[in-house]
C-alpha atoms as a PDB file:
ATOM      1  CA  MET A   1      75.518   6.762  95.512  1.00  0.00           C
ATOM      2  CA  LYS A   2      78.923   6.011  94.000  1.00  0.00           C
ATOM      3  CA  ASP A   3      81.836   8.404  94.205  1.00  0.00           C
ATOM      4  CA  ALA A   4      85.250   8.024  92.542  1.00  0.00           C
ATOM      5  CA  VAL A   5      87.128   8.883  95.761  1.00  0.00           C
ATOM      6  CA  LEU A   6      84.691   7.915  98.521  1.00  0.00           C
ATOM      7  CA  GLY A   7      83.365   4.698  96.995  1.00  0.00           C
ATOM      8  CA  THR A   8      79.807   3.547  97.539  1.00  0.00           C
ATOM      9  CA  LEU A   9      77.892   5.599 100.085  1.00  0.00           C
ATOM     10  CA  LYS A  10      74.523   4.739 101.578  1.00  0.00           C
ATOM     11  CA  GLU A  11      72.194   6.609 103.861  1.00  0.00           C
ATOM     12  CA  ASP A  12      72.464   5.396 107.439  1.00  0.00           C
ATOM     13  CA  LYS A  13      69.145   3.774 108.379  1.00  0.00           C
ATOM     14  CA  HIS A  14      69.482   4.809 112.012  1.00  0.00           C
ATOM     15  CA  ILE A  15      70.923   8.334 111.861  1.00  0.00           C
ATOM     16  CA  ALA A  16      69.366  11.070 109.730  1.00  0.00           C
ATOM     17  CA  HIS A  17      71.614  13.054 107.384  1.00  0.00           C
ATOM     18  CA  MET A  18      74.462  10.519 107.672  1.00  0.00           C
ATOM     19  CA  LEU A  19      76.138   8.652 104.831  1.00  0.00           C
ATOM     20  CA  ILE A  20      78.179   5.512 105.446  1.00  0.00           C
ATOM     21  CA  GLY A  21      80.686   3.619 103.374  1.00  0.00           C
ATOM     22  CA  THR A  22      84.039   1.857 103.480  1.00  0.00           C
ATOM     23  CA  ILE A  23      87.451   3.031 102.341  1.00  0.00           C
ATOM     24  CA  LEU A  24      90.803   1.261 102.172  1.00  0.00           C
ATOM     25  CA  HIS A  25      93.584   2.649 104.349  1.00  0.00           C
ATOM     26  CA  LYS A  26      96.909   0.904 104.905  1.00  0.00           C
ATOM     27  CA  TYR A  27      95.490  -2.257 103.320  1.00  0.00           C
ATOM     28  CA  ARG A  28      92.589  -2.380 105.793  1.00  0.00           C
ATOM     29  CA  LYS A  29      88.918  -1.544 105.473  1.00  0.00           C
ATOM     30  CA  VAL A  30      87.919   1.532 107.446  1.00  0.00           C
ATOM     31  CA  LYS A  31      84.348   2.643 108.000  1.00  0.00           C
ATOM     32  CA  LEU A  32      83.653   6.084 106.520  1.00  0.00           C
ATOM     33  CA  THR A  33      80.830   8.216 107.867  1.00  0.00           C
ATOM     34  CA  ILE A  34      79.826  11.596 106.509  1.00  0.00           C
ATOM     35  CA  SER A  35      77.516  13.676 108.678  1.00  0.00           C
ATOM     36  CA  LEU A  36      75.906  16.581 106.847  1.00  0.00           C
ATOM     37  CA  GLU A  37      75.515  18.678 110.022  1.00  0.00           C
ATOM     38  CA  GLY A  38      73.020  20.949 108.232  1.00  0.00           C
ATOM     39  CA  GLU A  39      75.376  21.642 105.315  1.00  0.00           C
ATOM     40  CA  ALA A  40      74.714  21.061 101.616  1.00  0.00           C
ATOM     41  CA  LEU A  41      75.461  17.514 100.461  1.00  0.00           C
ATOM     42  CA  GLU A  42      77.905  18.544  97.713  1.00  0.00           C
ATOM     43  CA  ASN A  43      79.894  20.743 100.108  1.00  0.00           C
ATOM     44  CA  CYS A  44      80.196  17.853 102.575  1.00  0.00           C
ATOM     45  CA  LEU A  45      81.229  15.445  99.834  1.00  0.00           C
ATOM     46  CA  GLU A  46      83.879  17.887  98.608  1.00  0.00           C
ATOM     47  CA  TRP A  47      85.294  18.165 102.161  1.00  0.00           C
ATOM     48  CA  ALA A  48      85.163  14.378 102.567  1.00  0.00           C
ATOM     49  CA  ARG A  49      87.075  13.861  99.292  1.00  0.00           C
ATOM     50  CA  GLU A  50      89.754  16.308 100.414  1.00  0.00           C
ATOM     51  CA  ALA A  51      90.066  14.640 103.821  1.00  0.00           C
ATOM     52  CA  VAL A  52      90.147  11.085 102.445  1.00  0.00           C
ATOM     53  CA  GLY A  53      92.765  12.180  99.925  1.00  0.00           C
ATOM     54  CA  ASP A  54      94.970  13.328 102.819  1.00  0.00           C
ATOM     55  CA  LEU A  55      94.107  10.476 105.192  1.00  0.00           C
ATOM     56  CA  LYS A  56      97.658   9.161 105.578  1.00  0.00           C
ATOM     57  CA  ARG A  57      98.856  12.509 106.965  1.00  0.00           C
ATOM     58  CA  ILE A  58      95.711  13.024 109.026  1.00  0.00           C
ATOM     59  CA  ASP A  59      95.968   9.530 110.511  1.00  0.00           C
ATOM     60  CA  ASP A  60      99.648  10.040 111.369  1.00  0.00           C
ATOM     61  CA  LEU A  61      98.934  13.359 113.122  1.00  0.00           C
ATOM     62  CA  ALA A  62      95.878  12.070 114.977  1.00  0.00           C
ATOM     63  CA  LYS A  63      97.533   8.840 116.080  1.00  0.00           C
ATOM     64  CA  GLN A  64     100.623  10.714 117.283  1.00  0.00           C
ATOM     65  CA  ALA A  65      98.460  13.089 119.320  1.00  0.00           C
ATOM     66  CA  ALA A  66      96.487  10.184 120.779  1.00  0.00           C
ATOM     67  CA  CYS A  67      99.649   8.340 121.738  1.00  0.00           C
ATOM     68  CA  GLU A  68     101.273  11.380 123.351  1.00  0.00           C
ATOM     69  CA  HIS A  69      98.080  12.089 125.295  1.00  0.00           C
ATOM     70  CA  LEU A  70      97.298   8.525 126.356  1.00  0.00           C
ATOM     71  CA  LEU A  71     100.744   7.015 126.990  1.00  0.00           C
ATOM     72  CA  PRO A  72     101.130   8.548 130.475  1.00  0.00           C
ATOM     73  CA  LEU A  73      97.531   7.604 131.292  1.00  0.00           C
ATOM     74  CA  TYR A  74      98.170   3.991 130.297  1.00  0.00           C
ATOM     75  CA  ASN A  75     101.488   3.688 132.120  1.00  0.00           C
ATOM     76  CA  GLU A  76     100.196   5.337 135.305  1.00  0.00           C
ATOM     77  CA  ASN A  77      96.614   4.010 135.500  1.00  0.00           C
ATOM     78  CA  TRP A  78      95.642   1.329 132.979  1.00  0.00           C
ATOM     79  CA  ARG A  79      98.534  -1.132 132.790  1.00  0.00           C
ATOM     80  CA  GLU A  80      97.757  -2.592 136.207  1.00  0.00           C
ATOM     81  CA  TYR A  81      94.342  -3.953 137.127  1.00  0.00           C
ATOM     82  CA  GLU A  82      92.620  -6.690 139.109  1.00  0.00           C
ATOM     83  CA  GLN A  83      91.149  -9.724 137.417  1.00  0.00           C
ATOM     84  CA  SER A  84      89.131 -12.620 138.805  1.00  0.00           C
ATOM     85  CA  ASP A  85      90.970 -15.924 138.882  1.00  0.00           C
ATOM     86  CA  GLY A  86      87.659 -17.748 138.302  1.00  0.00           C
ATOM     87  CA  ARG A  87      87.667 -19.256 141.808  1.00  0.00           C
ATOM     88  CA  GLY A  88      86.416 -16.237 143.736  1.00  0.00           C
ATOM     89  CA  ALA A  89      89.764 -14.567 144.276  1.00  0.00           C
ATOM     90  CA  TRP A  90      91.318 -11.596 142.543  1.00  0.00           C
ATOM     91  CA  GLU A  91      94.798 -11.306 141.127  1.00  0.00           C
ATOM     92  CA  ILE A  92      96.709  -8.210 140.135  1.00  0.00           C
ATOM     93  CA  ILE A  93      97.696  -8.054 136.477  1.00  0.00           C
ATOM     94  CA  SER A  94     100.711  -5.856 135.817  1.00  0.00           C
ATOM     95  CA  ASN A  95     101.585  -5.228 132.187  1.00  0.00           C
ATOM     96  CA  PRO A  96     104.914  -3.659 131.189  1.00  0.00           C
ATOM     97  CA  ILE A  97     105.406   0.073 130.829  1.00  0.00           C
ATOM     98  CA  LEU A  98     105.029   0.974 127.152  1.00  0.00           C
ATOM     99  CA  THR A  99     106.975   3.344 124.925  1.00  0.00           C
ATOM    100  CA  LEU A 100     105.424   5.737 122.431  1.00  0.00           C
ATOM    101  CA  ASP A 101     106.163   3.340 119.549  1.00  0.00           C
ATOM    102  CA  GLU A 102     104.665   0.386 121.422  1.00  0.00           C
ATOM    103  CA  ILE A 103     101.388   2.127 122.208  1.00  0.00           C
ATOM    104  CA  ARG A 104     101.239   3.466 118.646  1.00  0.00           C
ATOM    105  CA  SER A 105     101.465  -0.056 117.242  1.00  0.00           C
ATOM    106  CA  GLU A 106      98.318  -1.056 119.164  1.00  0.00           C
ATOM    107  CA  PHE A 107      95.993   1.601 117.736  1.00  0.00           C
ATOM    108  CA  ARG A 108      94.099   0.732 114.529  1.00  0.00           C
ATOM    109  CA  LEU A 109      91.924   3.212 112.663  1.00  0.00           C
ATOM    110  CA  SER A 110      88.410   1.769 112.591  1.00  0.00           C
ATOM    111  CA  THR A 111      86.213   4.726 111.578  1.00  0.00           C
ATOM    112  CA  PHE A 112      86.946   7.968 109.755  1.00  0.00           C
ATOM    113  CA  GLN A 113      84.144  10.434 110.423  1.00  0.00           C
ATOM    114  CA  VAL A 114      83.749  13.603 108.367  1.00  0.00           C
ATOM    115  CA  GLU A 115      81.365  16.099 109.947  1.00  0.00           C
ATOM    116  CA  GLY A 116      79.880  18.973 107.996  1.00  0.00           C
ATOM    117  CA  VAL A 117      82.460  21.005 106.108  1.00  0.00           C
ATOM    118  CA  ASP A 118      85.180  21.468 108.725  1.00  0.00           C
ATOM    119  CA  SER A 119      85.362  18.721 111.340  1.00  0.00           C
ATOM    120  CA  LEU A 120      86.974  15.303 111.509  1.00  0.00           C
ATOM    121  CA  CYS A 121      86.792  12.479 114.005  1.00  0.00           C
ATOM    122  CA  LEU A 122      89.073   9.434 113.892  1.00  0.00           C
ATOM    123  CA  TRP A 123      88.124   6.336 115.890  1.00  0.00           C
ATOM    124  CA  TYR A 124      90.809   3.819 116.822  1.00  0.00           C
ATOM    125  CA  SER A 125      90.578   0.398 118.415  1.00  0.00           C
ATOM    126  CA  ASP A 126      92.697   0.405 121.559  1.00  0.00           C
ATOM    127  CA  GLY A 127      94.357  -3.010 121.269  1.00  0.00           C
ATOM    128  CA  ASP A 128      92.799  -3.794 124.677  1.00  0.00           C
ATOM    129  CA  LEU A 129      95.091  -1.294 126.409  1.00  0.00           C
ATOM    130  CA  PHE A 130      92.146   0.693 127.792  1.00  0.00           C
ATOM    131  CA  GLY A 131      89.653  -2.061 128.492  1.00  0.00           C
ATOM    132  CA  GLY A 132      88.255  -2.098 124.966  1.00  0.00           C
ATOM    133  CA  HIS A 133      87.408   1.612 124.865  1.00  0.00           C
ATOM    134  CA  ASP A 134      87.667   3.368 121.531  1.00  0.00           C
ATOM    135  CA  VAL A 135      90.275   6.095 121.200  1.00  0.00           C
ATOM    136  CA  VAL A 136      88.646   9.123 119.585  1.00  0.00           C
ATOM    137  CA  VAL A 137      90.580  12.051 118.109  1.00  0.00           C
ATOM    138  CA  SER A 138      88.520  15.056 116.981  1.00  0.00           C
ATOM    139  CA  SER A 139      89.395  18.282 115.204  1.00  0.00           C
ATOM    140  CA  SER A 140      87.073  21.142 114.366  1.00  0.00           C
ATOM    141  CA  GLU A 141      89.767  23.052 112.473  1.00  0.00           C
ATOM    142  CA  ARG A 142      89.648  21.125 109.202  1.00  0.00           C
ATOM    143  CA  MET A 143      92.996  19.368 108.816  1.00  0.00           C
ATOM    144  CA  ASN A 144      95.145  21.748 110.847  1.00  0.00           C
ATOM    145  CA  PHE A 145      94.680  19.845 114.097  1.00  0.00           C
ATOM    146  CA  ASP A 146      95.300  23.052 116.031  1.00  0.00           C
ATOM    147  CA  ASP A 147      92.141  22.440 118.060  1.00  0.00           C
ATOM    148  CA  LEU A 148      92.393  18.746 118.873  1.00  0.00           C
ATOM    149  CA  THR A 149      90.721  16.580 121.500  1.00  0.00           C
ATOM    150  CA  VAL A 150      91.568  13.012 122.492  1.00  0.00           C
ATOM    151  CA  ASN A 151      89.061  10.906 124.437  1.00  0.00           C
ATOM    152  CA  LEU A 152      88.330   7.343 125.422  1.00  0.00           C
ATOM    153  CA  TRP A 153      84.815   6.233 124.454  1.00  0.00           C
ATOM    154  CA  GLY A 154      82.741   3.261 125.506  1.00  0.00           C
END
């Protein structure tokens, strides 16, 4: 299926009632997934068009929330870790304390997930700050982000 805003969408072969595609955001390809969540296809596509049309603002809000939530976690728990030296010993790796702008520059939007007719989920690569975990920001309040969760995944 081709859509003027959403591009080419295909049914996901592994997940029922899920459409997948690719959109351009900040000169990068971002995976787009649309989960019908029991809603009518046209209603989900309308919501997806609205969300994709406002992706710059949504991304800015979600990334800011992720950074504010995860910066203390990184600086207090993730910046120092033990790593094998390859000879049977362990060495402590201590990375510098980051600022909000520095952590923000590491996150890259990888997947924009539109769920049903009111939820969004933005997946970011972590720039290896959290051991390769994805940073996931979810909102079930359309684009208000009043009810927001930030998690590490993977």
